[in-house]
Structures are given as structure tokens and as C-alpha cells.
N, C-alpha and C. Protein backbone atom coordinates (compact mmCIF):
# COMPACT_ATOMS: atom_id res chain seq x y z
N MET A 1 0.84 -1.20 0.00
CA MET A 1 0.00 0.00 0.00
C MET A 1 0.87 1.25 0.00
N TYR A 2 0.33 2.33 -0.57
CA TYR A 2 1.13 3.54 -0.70
C TYR A 2 1.48 4.13 0.64
N ILE A 3 0.64 3.91 1.64
CA ILE A 3 0.88 4.56 2.92
C ILE A 3 2.08 3.94 3.61
N ALA A 4 2.22 2.64 3.50
CA ALA A 4 3.42 2.02 4.07
C ALA A 4 4.66 2.55 3.37
N ALA A 5 4.57 2.74 2.06
CA ALA A 5 5.70 3.28 1.32
C ALA A 5 6.00 4.71 1.73
N LYS A 6 4.99 5.41 2.24
CA LYS A 6 5.19 6.78 2.69
C LYS A 6 6.26 6.84 3.77
N ILE A 7 6.36 5.80 4.58
CA ILE A 7 7.33 5.79 5.66
C ILE A 7 8.69 5.34 5.17
N ILE A 8 8.72 4.30 4.36
CA ILE A 8 9.99 3.80 3.85
C ILE A 8 10.10 4.25 2.41
N ILE A 9 10.31 5.55 2.24
CA ILE A 9 10.21 6.18 0.92
C ILE A 9 11.23 5.64 -0.07
N PHE A 10 12.30 5.03 0.44
CA PHE A 10 13.37 4.54 -0.42
C PHE A 10 13.07 3.15 -1.00
N THR A 11 12.05 2.48 -0.50
CA THR A 11 11.82 1.09 -0.86
C THR A 11 11.66 0.90 -2.35
N PHE A 12 11.00 1.83 -3.00
CA PHE A 12 10.72 1.64 -4.42
C PHE A 12 11.98 1.73 -5.27
N LEU A 13 13.10 2.15 -4.65
CA LEU A 13 14.36 2.25 -5.38
C LEU A 13 15.33 1.12 -5.06
N VAL A 14 14.87 0.12 -4.32
CA VAL A 14 15.84 -0.84 -3.80
C VAL A 14 16.49 -1.68 -4.88
N PHE A 15 15.93 -1.74 -6.06
CA PHE A 15 16.54 -2.52 -7.12
C PHE A 15 17.52 -1.71 -7.95
N LEU A 16 17.68 -0.44 -7.60
CA LEU A 16 18.65 0.40 -8.29
C LEU A 16 19.95 0.40 -7.51
N SER A 17 21.02 0.71 -8.19
CA SER A 17 22.31 0.80 -7.51
C SER A 17 22.36 2.07 -6.69
N VAL A 18 23.05 2.00 -5.57
CA VAL A 18 23.20 3.16 -4.70
C VAL A 18 24.49 3.87 -5.05
N PRO A 19 24.44 5.19 -5.33
CA PRO A 19 25.67 5.90 -5.70
C PRO A 19 26.65 5.94 -4.54
N ALA A 20 27.90 6.05 -4.90
CA ALA A 20 28.93 6.12 -3.87
C ALA A 20 28.76 7.37 -3.05
N GLY A 21 29.21 7.31 -1.79
CA GLY A 21 29.10 8.46 -0.92
C GLY A 21 29.95 9.62 -1.40
N ALA A 22 29.51 10.83 -1.11
CA ALA A 22 30.24 12.01 -1.52
C ALA A 22 31.44 12.24 -0.61
N GLU A 23 32.39 12.99 -1.11
CA GLU A 23 33.53 13.34 -0.30
C GLU A 23 33.11 14.36 0.77
N VAL A 24 33.73 14.23 1.92
CA VAL A 24 33.45 15.16 3.01
C VAL A 24 34.35 16.37 2.86
N ALA A 25 33.74 17.54 2.76
CA ALA A 25 34.50 18.78 2.67
C ALA A 25 34.78 19.28 4.08
N GLY A 26 36.04 19.19 4.51
CA GLY A 26 36.36 19.56 5.87
C GLY A 26 35.70 18.57 6.82
N GLU A 27 34.82 19.07 7.67
CA GLU A 27 34.11 18.20 8.59
C GLU A 27 32.61 18.20 8.30
N LYS A 28 32.21 18.64 7.12
CA LYS A 28 30.78 18.76 6.81
C LYS A 28 30.47 18.10 5.48
N LEU A 29 29.43 17.28 5.46
CA LEU A 29 28.92 16.66 4.25
C LEU A 29 27.53 17.22 3.99
N MET A 30 27.42 18.13 3.03
CA MET A 30 26.15 18.80 2.76
C MET A 30 25.21 17.87 1.99
N ILE A 31 23.99 17.75 2.47
CA ILE A 31 22.97 16.93 1.82
C ILE A 31 21.88 17.81 1.20
N GLY A 32 21.40 18.76 1.96
CA GLY A 32 20.39 19.69 1.45
C GLY A 32 20.87 21.11 1.55
N ALA A 33 21.39 21.65 0.44
CA ALA A 33 21.94 23.01 0.42
C ALA A 33 20.84 23.99 0.02
N PHE A 34 19.78 24.03 0.80
CA PHE A 34 18.64 24.87 0.45
C PHE A 34 18.98 26.35 0.48
N SER A 35 19.90 26.75 1.36
CA SER A 35 20.26 28.16 1.47
C SER A 35 20.94 28.68 0.20
N SER A 36 21.47 27.78 -0.61
CA SER A 36 22.07 28.18 -1.88
C SER A 36 21.05 28.19 -3.02
N GLY A 37 19.81 27.86 -2.69
CA GLY A 37 18.75 27.83 -3.69
C GLY A 37 18.72 26.55 -4.51
N SER A 38 19.40 25.52 -4.02
CA SER A 38 19.55 24.30 -4.80
C SER A 38 18.68 23.16 -4.28
N LEU A 39 18.03 22.48 -5.22
CA LEU A 39 17.37 21.20 -4.95
C LEU A 39 17.97 20.11 -5.84
N ASP A 40 19.23 20.30 -6.20
CA ASP A 40 19.92 19.33 -7.06
C ASP A 40 19.92 17.95 -6.42
N HIS A 41 19.53 16.97 -7.22
CA HIS A 41 19.54 15.55 -6.84
C HIS A 41 18.45 15.18 -5.82
N TRP A 42 17.59 16.14 -5.48
CA TRP A 42 16.43 15.81 -4.67
C TRP A 42 15.28 15.45 -5.60
N GLU A 43 14.60 14.38 -5.29
CA GLU A 43 13.52 13.90 -6.13
C GLU A 43 12.23 13.81 -5.33
N THR A 44 11.11 13.84 -6.05
CA THR A 44 9.79 13.81 -5.42
C THR A 44 9.19 12.42 -5.52
N LYS A 45 8.54 11.99 -4.45
CA LYS A 45 7.74 10.77 -4.47
C LYS A 45 6.34 11.12 -3.95
N GLU A 46 5.34 10.94 -4.78
CA GLU A 46 3.97 11.27 -4.42
C GLU A 46 3.23 10.01 -3.99
N PHE A 47 2.51 10.13 -2.88
CA PHE A 47 1.72 9.01 -2.37
C PHE A 47 0.23 9.30 -2.44
N LYS A 48 -0.16 10.49 -2.02
CA LYS A 48 -1.57 10.91 -2.14
C LYS A 48 -1.58 12.42 -2.24
N GLY A 49 -1.95 12.92 -3.40
CA GLY A 49 -1.90 14.36 -3.59
C GLY A 49 -0.46 14.84 -3.63
N GLN A 50 -0.29 16.13 -3.70
CA GLN A 50 1.04 16.70 -3.87
C GLN A 50 1.30 17.77 -2.82
N THR A 51 2.22 17.49 -1.90
CA THR A 51 2.72 18.53 -1.02
C THR A 51 3.63 19.43 -1.85
N SER A 52 3.44 20.73 -1.70
CA SER A 52 4.24 21.69 -2.46
C SER A 52 5.57 21.93 -1.74
N TYR A 53 6.67 21.76 -2.48
CA TYR A 53 8.00 22.05 -1.95
C TYR A 53 8.67 23.06 -2.87
N GLN A 54 9.17 24.15 -2.29
CA GLN A 54 9.87 25.15 -3.10
C GLN A 54 10.85 25.93 -2.23
N ILE A 55 11.92 26.39 -2.87
CA ILE A 55 12.88 27.25 -2.19
C ILE A 55 12.32 28.67 -2.15
N VAL A 56 12.28 29.25 -0.95
CA VAL A 56 11.75 30.60 -0.79
C VAL A 56 12.72 31.41 0.08
N ALA A 57 12.55 32.72 0.01
CA ALA A 57 13.30 33.61 0.90
C ALA A 57 12.48 33.83 2.16
N LEU A 58 13.08 33.59 3.30
CA LEU A 58 12.42 33.82 4.58
C LEU A 58 13.40 34.60 5.45
N GLY A 59 13.07 35.86 5.69
CA GLY A 59 14.04 36.71 6.35
C GLY A 59 15.23 36.93 5.43
N ARG A 60 16.43 36.68 5.92
CA ARG A 60 17.64 36.86 5.14
C ARG A 60 18.12 35.56 4.49
N ASN A 61 17.38 34.49 4.70
CA ASN A 61 17.85 33.19 4.24
C ASN A 61 16.89 32.56 3.22
N ARG A 62 17.44 31.70 2.40
CA ARG A 62 16.62 30.86 1.54
C ARG A 62 16.46 29.50 2.20
N VAL A 63 15.23 29.00 2.22
CA VAL A 63 14.92 27.75 2.90
C VAL A 63 13.93 26.97 2.04
N LEU A 64 13.69 25.75 2.43
CA LEU A 64 12.71 24.91 1.75
C LEU A 64 11.36 25.06 2.45
N LYS A 65 10.35 25.47 1.69
CA LYS A 65 9.00 25.61 2.22
C LYS A 65 8.16 24.43 1.77
N ALA A 66 7.40 23.85 2.71
CA ALA A 66 6.51 22.74 2.41
C ALA A 66 5.09 23.12 2.82
N GLU A 67 4.15 22.92 1.91
CA GLU A 67 2.73 23.18 2.18
C GLU A 67 1.93 21.93 1.81
N SER A 68 1.20 21.39 2.79
CA SER A 68 0.40 20.19 2.58
C SER A 68 -1.06 20.48 2.88
N ASN A 69 -1.93 20.08 1.97
CA ASN A 69 -3.38 20.20 2.15
C ASN A 69 -3.99 18.84 1.82
N ASP A 70 -4.19 18.02 2.85
CA ASP A 70 -4.72 16.67 2.67
C ASP A 70 -3.89 15.91 1.65
N SER A 71 -2.58 16.02 1.77
CA SER A 71 -1.68 15.42 0.77
C SER A 71 -0.51 14.72 1.45
N ALA A 72 0.15 13.89 0.68
CA ALA A 72 1.33 13.18 1.18
C ALA A 72 2.29 12.95 0.03
N SER A 73 3.30 13.77 -0.05
CA SER A 73 4.41 13.54 -0.96
C SER A 73 5.67 14.04 -0.27
N GLY A 74 6.78 13.46 -0.63
CA GLY A 74 8.02 13.80 0.03
C GLY A 74 9.14 14.09 -0.94
N LEU A 75 10.19 14.67 -0.43
CA LEU A 75 11.43 14.87 -1.18
C LEU A 75 12.48 13.95 -0.59
N TYR A 76 13.25 13.31 -1.44
CA TYR A 76 14.30 12.44 -0.95
C TYR A 76 15.56 12.66 -1.78
N LYS A 77 16.68 12.38 -1.15
CA LYS A 77 17.96 12.42 -1.84
C LYS A 77 18.65 11.09 -1.60
N GLU A 78 18.91 10.39 -2.67
CA GLU A 78 19.56 9.09 -2.61
C GLU A 78 21.07 9.29 -2.57
N GLN A 79 21.67 8.95 -1.44
CA GLN A 79 23.10 9.10 -1.30
C GLN A 79 23.59 8.23 -0.17
N ARG A 80 24.63 7.47 -0.42
CA ARG A 80 25.18 6.61 0.62
C ARG A 80 26.11 7.41 1.50
N ILE A 81 25.88 7.34 2.80
CA ILE A 81 26.65 8.12 3.76
C ILE A 81 27.29 7.18 4.76
N ASP A 82 28.59 7.33 4.93
CA ASP A 82 29.35 6.51 5.86
C ASP A 82 29.27 7.16 7.24
N LEU A 83 28.52 6.54 8.13
CA LEU A 83 28.30 7.11 9.45
C LEU A 83 29.52 7.01 10.36
N GLN A 84 30.47 6.20 10.00
CA GLN A 84 31.69 6.18 10.79
C GLN A 84 32.53 7.43 10.53
N LYS A 85 32.32 8.06 9.38
CA LYS A 85 33.04 9.30 9.06
C LYS A 85 32.24 10.52 9.51
N THR A 86 30.95 10.50 9.27
CA THR A 86 30.09 11.65 9.62
C THR A 86 28.81 11.12 10.27
N PRO A 87 28.84 10.83 11.56
CA PRO A 87 27.68 10.22 12.22
C PRO A 87 26.55 11.18 12.57
N PHE A 88 26.82 12.49 12.61
CA PHE A 88 25.82 13.44 13.09
C PHE A 88 25.06 14.10 11.93
N MET A 89 23.74 14.04 12.00
CA MET A 89 22.90 14.76 11.04
C MET A 89 22.43 16.06 11.70
N ASN A 90 22.60 17.16 10.97
CA ASN A 90 22.28 18.50 11.47
C ASN A 90 21.25 19.15 10.56
N TRP A 91 20.29 19.83 11.15
CA TRP A 91 19.32 20.59 10.36
C TRP A 91 18.57 21.56 11.26
N ARG A 92 17.81 22.44 10.66
CA ARG A 92 16.90 23.28 11.42
C ARG A 92 15.56 23.29 10.71
N TRP A 93 14.49 23.51 11.48
CA TRP A 93 13.14 23.46 10.94
C TRP A 93 12.20 24.30 11.78
N ARG A 94 11.05 24.58 11.22
CA ARG A 94 9.99 25.29 11.94
C ARG A 94 8.66 24.92 11.29
N ILE A 95 7.61 24.99 12.08
CA ILE A 95 6.27 24.77 11.56
C ILE A 95 5.43 26.01 11.83
N GLU A 96 4.43 26.21 11.00
CA GLU A 96 3.56 27.37 11.16
C GLU A 96 2.25 27.02 11.86
N ASN A 97 1.89 25.76 11.89
CA ASN A 97 0.66 25.35 12.57
C ASN A 97 0.75 23.89 13.00
N ARG A 98 -0.06 23.52 13.97
CA ARG A 98 -0.13 22.15 14.44
C ARG A 98 -1.29 21.44 13.74
N LEU A 99 -1.31 20.12 13.85
CA LEU A 99 -2.33 19.35 13.16
C LEU A 99 -3.52 19.00 14.04
N GLY A 100 -3.53 19.45 15.28
CA GLY A 100 -4.69 19.23 16.13
C GLY A 100 -4.62 17.92 16.91
N ASN A 101 -5.75 17.49 17.41
CA ASN A 101 -5.83 16.34 18.30
C ASN A 101 -5.93 15.05 17.49
N ILE A 102 -4.78 14.53 17.07
CA ILE A 102 -4.74 13.29 16.30
C ILE A 102 -3.95 12.25 17.07
N ASN A 103 -4.25 10.98 16.80
CA ASN A 103 -3.52 9.88 17.43
C ASN A 103 -2.44 9.43 16.47
N GLU A 104 -1.23 9.85 16.73
CA GLU A 104 -0.12 9.58 15.81
C GLU A 104 0.34 8.13 15.84
N GLN A 105 -0.10 7.37 16.82
CA GLN A 105 0.22 5.96 16.85
C GLN A 105 -0.78 5.11 16.06
N ALA A 106 -1.87 5.73 15.58
CA ALA A 106 -2.88 5.04 14.79
C ALA A 106 -2.74 5.41 13.32
N LYS A 107 -3.22 4.54 12.44
CA LYS A 107 -3.14 4.81 11.01
C LYS A 107 -3.90 6.08 10.64
N SER A 108 -5.00 6.34 11.32
CA SER A 108 -5.81 7.51 11.00
C SER A 108 -5.14 8.83 11.36
N GLY A 109 -4.10 8.77 12.18
CA GLY A 109 -3.42 10.00 12.60
C GLY A 109 -1.95 10.03 12.27
N ASP A 110 -1.53 9.22 11.32
CA ASP A 110 -0.12 9.13 10.94
C ASP A 110 0.28 10.28 10.03
N ASP A 111 0.19 11.49 10.56
CA ASP A 111 0.51 12.72 9.83
C ASP A 111 1.44 13.58 10.68
N TYR A 112 2.30 14.36 10.00
CA TYR A 112 3.26 15.20 10.72
C TYR A 112 3.47 16.50 9.96
N ALA A 113 3.46 17.60 10.69
CA ALA A 113 3.71 18.90 10.07
C ALA A 113 5.11 18.96 9.49
N ALA A 114 6.04 18.23 10.10
CA ALA A 114 7.40 18.18 9.57
C ALA A 114 8.06 16.88 10.01
N ARG A 115 8.84 16.33 9.12
CA ARG A 115 9.65 15.16 9.47
C ARG A 115 10.91 15.15 8.60
N VAL A 116 11.99 14.71 9.21
CA VAL A 116 13.25 14.47 8.50
C VAL A 116 13.65 13.06 8.84
N TYR A 117 13.97 12.26 7.84
CA TYR A 117 14.30 10.88 8.17
C TYR A 117 15.40 10.30 7.30
N VAL A 118 15.98 9.26 7.87
CA VAL A 118 17.09 8.56 7.22
C VAL A 118 16.64 7.14 6.89
N ILE A 119 17.14 6.61 5.78
CA ILE A 119 16.71 5.31 5.30
C ILE A 119 17.91 4.41 5.06
N VAL A 120 17.80 3.19 5.53
CA VAL A 120 18.79 2.14 5.27
C VAL A 120 18.16 1.15 4.33
N SER A 121 18.66 1.06 3.11
CA SER A 121 18.07 0.18 2.12
C SER A 121 18.36 -1.28 2.44
N GLY A 122 17.35 -2.12 2.20
CA GLY A 122 17.55 -3.55 2.35
C GLY A 122 18.05 -4.21 1.08
N GLY A 123 18.29 -3.39 0.04
CA GLY A 123 18.71 -3.94 -1.25
C GLY A 123 17.62 -4.81 -1.84
N PHE A 124 18.01 -5.95 -2.38
CA PHE A 124 17.01 -6.84 -2.95
C PHE A 124 16.10 -7.42 -1.88
N ALA A 125 16.59 -7.51 -0.65
CA ALA A 125 15.76 -7.94 0.47
C ALA A 125 15.03 -6.71 1.01
N PHE A 126 14.07 -6.21 0.22
CA PHE A 126 13.45 -4.92 0.52
C PHE A 126 12.77 -4.91 1.88
N TRP A 127 12.38 -6.09 2.38
CA TRP A 127 11.72 -6.15 3.68
C TRP A 127 12.67 -5.81 4.82
N ARG A 128 13.96 -5.71 4.51
CA ARG A 128 14.93 -5.34 5.53
C ARG A 128 15.20 -3.84 5.56
N THR A 129 14.52 -3.09 4.70
CA THR A 129 14.68 -1.64 4.72
C THR A 129 14.27 -1.09 6.08
N LYS A 130 15.05 -0.14 6.59
CA LYS A 130 14.80 0.45 7.90
C LYS A 130 14.81 1.97 7.78
N ALA A 131 14.10 2.62 8.69
CA ALA A 131 14.08 4.09 8.69
C ALA A 131 13.87 4.60 10.10
N ILE A 132 14.48 5.73 10.39
CA ILE A 132 14.16 6.50 11.60
C ILE A 132 13.58 7.83 11.15
N ASN A 133 12.37 8.12 11.62
CA ASN A 133 11.68 9.37 11.31
C ASN A 133 11.78 10.31 12.51
N TYR A 134 12.45 11.43 12.33
CA TYR A 134 12.47 12.46 13.36
C TYR A 134 11.32 13.41 13.04
N VAL A 135 10.31 13.44 13.92
CA VAL A 135 9.07 14.12 13.58
C VAL A 135 8.78 15.27 14.53
N TRP A 136 8.04 16.23 14.00
CA TRP A 136 7.46 17.30 14.82
C TRP A 136 6.05 16.83 15.14
N ALA A 137 5.87 16.26 16.31
CA ALA A 137 4.61 15.64 16.70
C ALA A 137 3.59 16.70 17.11
N SER A 138 2.33 16.32 16.98
CA SER A 138 1.24 17.19 17.42
C SER A 138 0.75 16.83 18.81
N THR A 139 0.67 15.54 19.11
CA THR A 139 0.13 15.10 20.40
C THR A 139 1.08 14.20 21.18
N SER A 140 1.96 13.49 20.50
CA SER A 140 2.90 12.63 21.21
C SER A 140 3.92 13.49 21.95
N PRO A 141 4.29 13.12 23.19
CA PRO A 141 5.23 13.94 23.96
C PRO A 141 6.63 13.90 23.38
N LYS A 142 7.36 14.98 23.59
CA LYS A 142 8.73 15.05 23.12
C LYS A 142 9.55 13.91 23.72
N GLY A 143 10.33 13.24 22.88
CA GLY A 143 11.16 12.15 23.34
C GLY A 143 10.52 10.78 23.17
N LYS A 144 9.23 10.73 22.87
CA LYS A 144 8.56 9.44 22.70
C LYS A 144 9.01 8.79 21.39
N ILE A 145 9.19 7.47 21.41
CA ILE A 145 9.60 6.70 20.24
C ILE A 145 8.61 5.54 20.09
N TRP A 146 8.14 5.32 18.86
CA TRP A 146 7.17 4.25 18.64
C TRP A 146 7.28 3.71 17.22
N PRO A 147 6.84 2.45 16.99
CA PRO A 147 6.83 1.90 15.64
C PRO A 147 5.75 2.58 14.80
N ASN A 148 6.03 2.78 13.54
CA ASN A 148 5.05 3.39 12.67
C ASN A 148 3.80 2.52 12.55
N ALA A 149 2.65 3.19 12.46
CA ALA A 149 1.37 2.48 12.42
C ALA A 149 1.22 1.59 11.21
N PHE A 150 1.88 1.92 10.10
CA PHE A 150 1.76 1.13 8.89
C PHE A 150 2.94 0.19 8.68
N ALA A 151 4.14 0.68 8.95
CA ALA A 151 5.35 -0.09 8.64
C ALA A 151 5.89 -0.88 9.83
N GLY A 152 5.29 -0.71 11.01
CA GLY A 152 5.76 -1.44 12.18
C GLY A 152 7.16 -1.01 12.59
N ASP A 153 7.91 -1.95 13.17
CA ASP A 153 9.21 -1.58 13.71
C ASP A 153 10.31 -1.46 12.65
N HIS A 154 9.94 -1.52 11.37
CA HIS A 154 10.90 -1.21 10.30
C HIS A 154 11.11 0.31 10.20
N ALA A 155 10.14 1.07 10.69
CA ALA A 155 10.23 2.53 10.65
C ALA A 155 9.87 3.07 12.02
N MET A 156 10.86 3.57 12.72
CA MET A 156 10.64 4.07 14.07
C MET A 156 10.42 5.58 14.03
N MET A 157 9.42 6.03 14.80
CA MET A 157 9.06 7.43 14.88
C MET A 157 9.66 8.03 16.15
N PHE A 158 10.29 9.17 16.03
CA PHE A 158 10.97 9.82 17.15
C PHE A 158 10.44 11.24 17.26
N ALA A 159 9.68 11.52 18.32
CA ALA A 159 9.12 12.86 18.52
C ALA A 159 10.22 13.79 19.03
N LEU A 160 10.88 14.45 18.10
CA LEU A 160 11.96 15.35 18.47
C LEU A 160 11.42 16.70 18.93
N ARG A 161 10.30 17.09 18.34
CA ARG A 161 9.58 18.29 18.76
C ARG A 161 8.11 17.92 18.95
N SER A 162 7.40 18.72 19.76
CA SER A 162 6.00 18.41 20.01
C SER A 162 5.23 19.69 20.31
N SER A 163 4.07 19.53 20.94
CA SER A 163 3.15 20.65 21.13
C SER A 163 3.68 21.73 22.07
N ASN A 164 4.67 21.40 22.88
CA ASN A 164 5.25 22.41 23.78
C ASN A 164 6.22 23.34 23.07
N ASP A 165 6.62 22.98 21.84
CA ASP A 165 7.53 23.83 21.08
C ASP A 165 6.74 24.85 20.27
N LYS A 166 7.27 26.03 20.17
CA LYS A 166 6.56 27.15 19.55
C LYS A 166 6.46 27.00 18.04
N THR A 167 5.36 27.46 17.48
CA THR A 167 5.24 27.57 16.03
C THR A 167 5.96 28.85 15.58
N SER A 168 6.21 28.92 14.28
CA SER A 168 6.87 30.08 13.67
C SER A 168 8.21 30.41 14.34
N THR A 169 8.87 29.38 14.81
CA THR A 169 10.15 29.52 15.51
C THR A 169 11.12 28.47 15.00
N TRP A 170 12.33 28.89 14.67
CA TRP A 170 13.34 27.94 14.20
C TRP A 170 13.93 27.16 15.36
N TYR A 171 14.12 25.87 15.15
CA TYR A 171 14.83 25.01 16.09
C TYR A 171 15.94 24.29 15.34
N THR A 172 17.10 24.21 15.97
CA THR A 172 18.26 23.55 15.37
C THR A 172 18.44 22.19 16.01
N GLU A 173 18.66 21.17 15.18
CA GLU A 173 18.77 19.79 15.66
C GLU A 173 20.12 19.19 15.28
N LYS A 174 20.57 18.26 16.12
CA LYS A 174 21.76 17.45 15.83
C LYS A 174 21.50 16.07 16.42
N ARG A 175 21.55 15.05 15.57
CA ARG A 175 21.33 13.68 16.03
C ARG A 175 22.51 12.79 15.61
N ASN A 176 22.92 11.94 16.54
CA ASN A 176 23.94 10.94 16.24
C ASN A 176 23.23 9.75 15.59
N ILE A 177 23.22 9.72 14.26
CA ILE A 177 22.47 8.70 13.53
C ILE A 177 23.05 7.31 13.78
N LEU A 178 24.35 7.21 13.86
CA LEU A 178 25.00 5.93 14.13
C LEU A 178 24.50 5.35 15.45
N ALA A 179 24.44 6.17 16.48
CA ALA A 179 23.98 5.72 17.79
C ALA A 179 22.48 5.45 17.80
N ASP A 180 21.71 6.31 17.13
CA ASP A 180 20.25 6.12 17.10
C ASP A 180 19.87 4.82 16.39
N LEU A 181 20.54 4.50 15.29
CA LEU A 181 20.25 3.25 14.58
C LEU A 181 20.58 2.05 15.46
N LYS A 182 21.68 2.13 16.17
CA LYS A 182 22.07 1.05 17.07
C LYS A 182 21.02 0.87 18.16
N GLN A 183 20.56 1.97 18.73
CA GLN A 183 19.59 1.91 19.81
C GLN A 183 18.25 1.35 19.34
N GLN A 184 17.80 1.77 18.17
CA GLN A 184 16.47 1.38 17.71
C GLN A 184 16.43 -0.02 17.08
N PHE A 185 17.49 -0.42 16.41
CA PHE A 185 17.46 -1.69 15.69
C PHE A 185 18.42 -2.75 16.24
N GLY A 186 19.22 -2.36 17.22
CA GLY A 186 20.11 -3.32 17.85
C GLY A 186 21.22 -3.81 16.95
N GLU A 187 21.55 -3.03 15.92
CA GLU A 187 22.59 -3.43 14.97
C GLU A 187 23.60 -2.30 14.80
N ASP A 188 24.82 -2.69 14.44
CA ASP A 188 25.82 -1.70 14.07
C ASP A 188 25.66 -1.43 12.57
N ILE A 189 25.01 -0.34 12.23
CA ILE A 189 24.72 0.00 10.84
C ILE A 189 25.64 1.14 10.42
N ARG A 190 26.54 0.86 9.51
CA ARG A 190 27.55 1.86 9.13
C ARG A 190 27.04 2.86 8.11
N TYR A 191 26.18 2.40 7.19
CA TYR A 191 25.76 3.27 6.08
C TYR A 191 24.27 3.52 6.08
N ILE A 192 23.88 4.74 5.70
CA ILE A 192 22.50 5.00 5.30
C ILE A 192 22.51 5.30 3.80
N ASP A 193 21.36 5.14 3.18
CA ASP A 193 21.28 5.22 1.72
C ASP A 193 20.45 6.37 1.19
N ALA A 194 19.73 7.06 2.05
CA ALA A 194 18.94 8.21 1.59
C ALA A 194 18.51 9.04 2.79
N VAL A 195 18.23 10.30 2.51
CA VAL A 195 17.65 11.23 3.48
C VAL A 195 16.38 11.79 2.84
N ALA A 196 15.34 11.95 3.63
CA ALA A 196 14.07 12.46 3.10
C ALA A 196 13.47 13.49 4.04
N VAL A 197 12.65 14.36 3.47
CA VAL A 197 11.83 15.28 4.26
C VAL A 197 10.39 15.11 3.78
N MET A 198 9.47 15.33 4.70
CA MET A 198 8.07 15.22 4.32
C MET A 198 7.19 16.01 5.27
N THR A 199 6.25 16.72 4.70
CA THR A 199 5.14 17.34 5.43
C THR A 199 3.89 16.70 4.87
N ASP A 200 3.16 15.94 5.70
CA ASP A 200 2.05 15.16 5.17
C ASP A 200 0.83 15.25 6.10
N THR A 201 -0.33 15.32 5.47
CA THR A 201 -1.58 15.53 6.22
C THR A 201 -2.72 14.71 5.64
N ASP A 202 -2.42 13.63 4.94
CA ASP A 202 -3.47 12.93 4.19
C ASP A 202 -4.38 12.05 5.03
N ASN A 203 -3.86 11.48 6.10
CA ASN A 203 -4.68 10.54 6.87
C ASN A 203 -5.76 11.24 7.70
N ALA A 204 -5.41 12.35 8.31
CA ALA A 204 -6.37 13.10 9.12
C ALA A 204 -7.00 14.26 8.35
N HIS A 205 -6.61 14.39 7.06
CA HIS A 205 -7.21 15.40 6.16
C HIS A 205 -7.02 16.82 6.68
N GLY A 206 -5.78 17.13 7.05
CA GLY A 206 -5.49 18.45 7.58
C GLY A 206 -4.66 19.30 6.64
N LYS A 207 -4.12 20.39 7.19
CA LYS A 207 -3.25 21.30 6.45
C LYS A 207 -2.04 21.62 7.32
N ALA A 208 -0.90 21.83 6.68
CA ALA A 208 0.30 22.20 7.43
C ALA A 208 1.26 22.94 6.53
N THR A 209 1.99 23.88 7.14
CA THR A 209 3.07 24.58 6.48
C THR A 209 4.32 24.46 7.35
N ALA A 210 5.43 24.11 6.72
CA ALA A 210 6.68 23.96 7.45
C ALA A 210 7.83 24.50 6.61
N TYR A 211 8.93 24.78 7.29
CA TYR A 211 10.15 25.22 6.62
C TYR A 211 11.32 24.36 7.09
N TYR A 212 12.21 24.05 6.16
CA TYR A 212 13.40 23.26 6.46
C TYR A 212 14.64 24.05 6.04
N GLY A 213 15.62 24.12 6.95
CA GLY A 213 16.90 24.71 6.61
C GLY A 213 17.84 23.65 6.07
N ASP A 214 19.09 24.02 5.87
CA ASP A 214 20.08 23.11 5.31
C ASP A 214 20.21 21.84 6.17
N ILE A 215 20.47 20.74 5.49
CA ILE A 215 20.68 19.45 6.13
C ILE A 215 22.11 18.99 5.80
N TYR A 216 22.89 18.67 6.81
CA TYR A 216 24.24 18.20 6.54
C TYR A 216 24.68 17.22 7.63
N PHE A 217 25.69 16.43 7.29
CA PHE A 217 26.29 15.49 8.23
C PHE A 217 27.65 16.00 8.65
N SER A 218 28.03 15.68 9.88
CA SER A 218 29.31 16.17 10.40
C SER A 218 29.99 15.10 11.25
N LYS A 219 31.28 15.31 11.49
CA LYS A 219 32.06 14.35 12.28
C LYS A 219 31.72 14.45 13.76
N ASN A 220 31.35 15.66 14.20
CA ASN A 220 31.01 15.85 15.62
C ASN A 220 30.07 17.04 15.76
């Protein structure tokens, strides 16, 4: 079903070869250079309707704006990243509105104003594909982790932000992806194969606007 694919957005590409990882410039590996106005190598996957993604000027910076109206589509960048070299994923984000009183652990409420996630491809064994979704939750408390309602424990949801965090306010994040994958899946996973962003509101039929700043990996 398309909804399960919404969580493991990379699954439909598992029969394609994964490009080699990019060189690390200094201590930073840029994945989403939105501030430069670039969406190079980012691709769209539509599941239900079309979330609008575009580079816009907000204040003095260019950022990625996402607008969802009862829709679910995401942007992903297919790139193999060696987490032993750059284990930390860094980004900033903000939302303009919350999605209301929804049950995010149920299929009917599996919507998020903003999410950034990493995907580990299972290759030809597509059922081994794994993902961690860092989400801006509407009702789940900050710090809560749960299996996705559609994909089960192949896709873990991590409420990095929640209703106590302000709207229209930028928050900067840094996650040790190497450590998080180990904690959630009990495995030493060296590589991830894609990074994705998504603002989706299709299950609860809502609306959301979010902004994403640059996404990059670093050594520390």
C-alpha cells in the first residue's frame, strides 16, 4: 500500500544501484543546500496528492518551504553516507501550525507537520529496509519513540519536537544517527542510503506549512 511506502520512501528504489558516498569537505557533508537555492539531486515521491516544496526567501535566508493540504508527498535524496566518518545529522526546521488532536500511533493519525528521516536500504531484500523518522509531533510527547502504524518496527518514529515547542520559531537539531540506529534496531549500521523530508496531512485530512533549513552530516 502507498501509505506504508510513505514511511519507507526509499523502498521503491531498492533494485537500483546506490551511488557512492560524496567526499566530506572539511568536517561537513552537505545533503540539502537549500540556502544556496539548490534542490539538485532531490527527487519527489507522491503518495496521495502533492505537497508543495519550493525554495523561498524567509528573512535573510533561503529555505525549503513545504505546504500540505490533505496530501502526502516527500522529497528524498539518494546518497550513501558513511556514518563512521560523519555520524551526526544536522538541520533546522519550523512549523507554522499544528495538526490538532490526532492519534499519531494510529493509522488515521499518521501525519506530521514536519519530518526528516534517514533510510537504510535492504537492497534486494526490501523487507529489511529500515528508517528512523524524526518528527514534529502534534500530540505525542517530546522524546517518545514508537513503531510506525503502517510499517511497524521497520520505521521508528521519534518525537523530536512536540506541542510544547513554539510555532513560527526555528529550532536547530543534531542527532547521532550511528547511535540512534544502534539503539532502535540493535545493529551496528555503518551506512545510510537516503535522506528524506516530508510534510504530510493525508490521513487526518489536515493542512500544514513547514520550513526546512540546510541538512548536513558532520564528524562531531
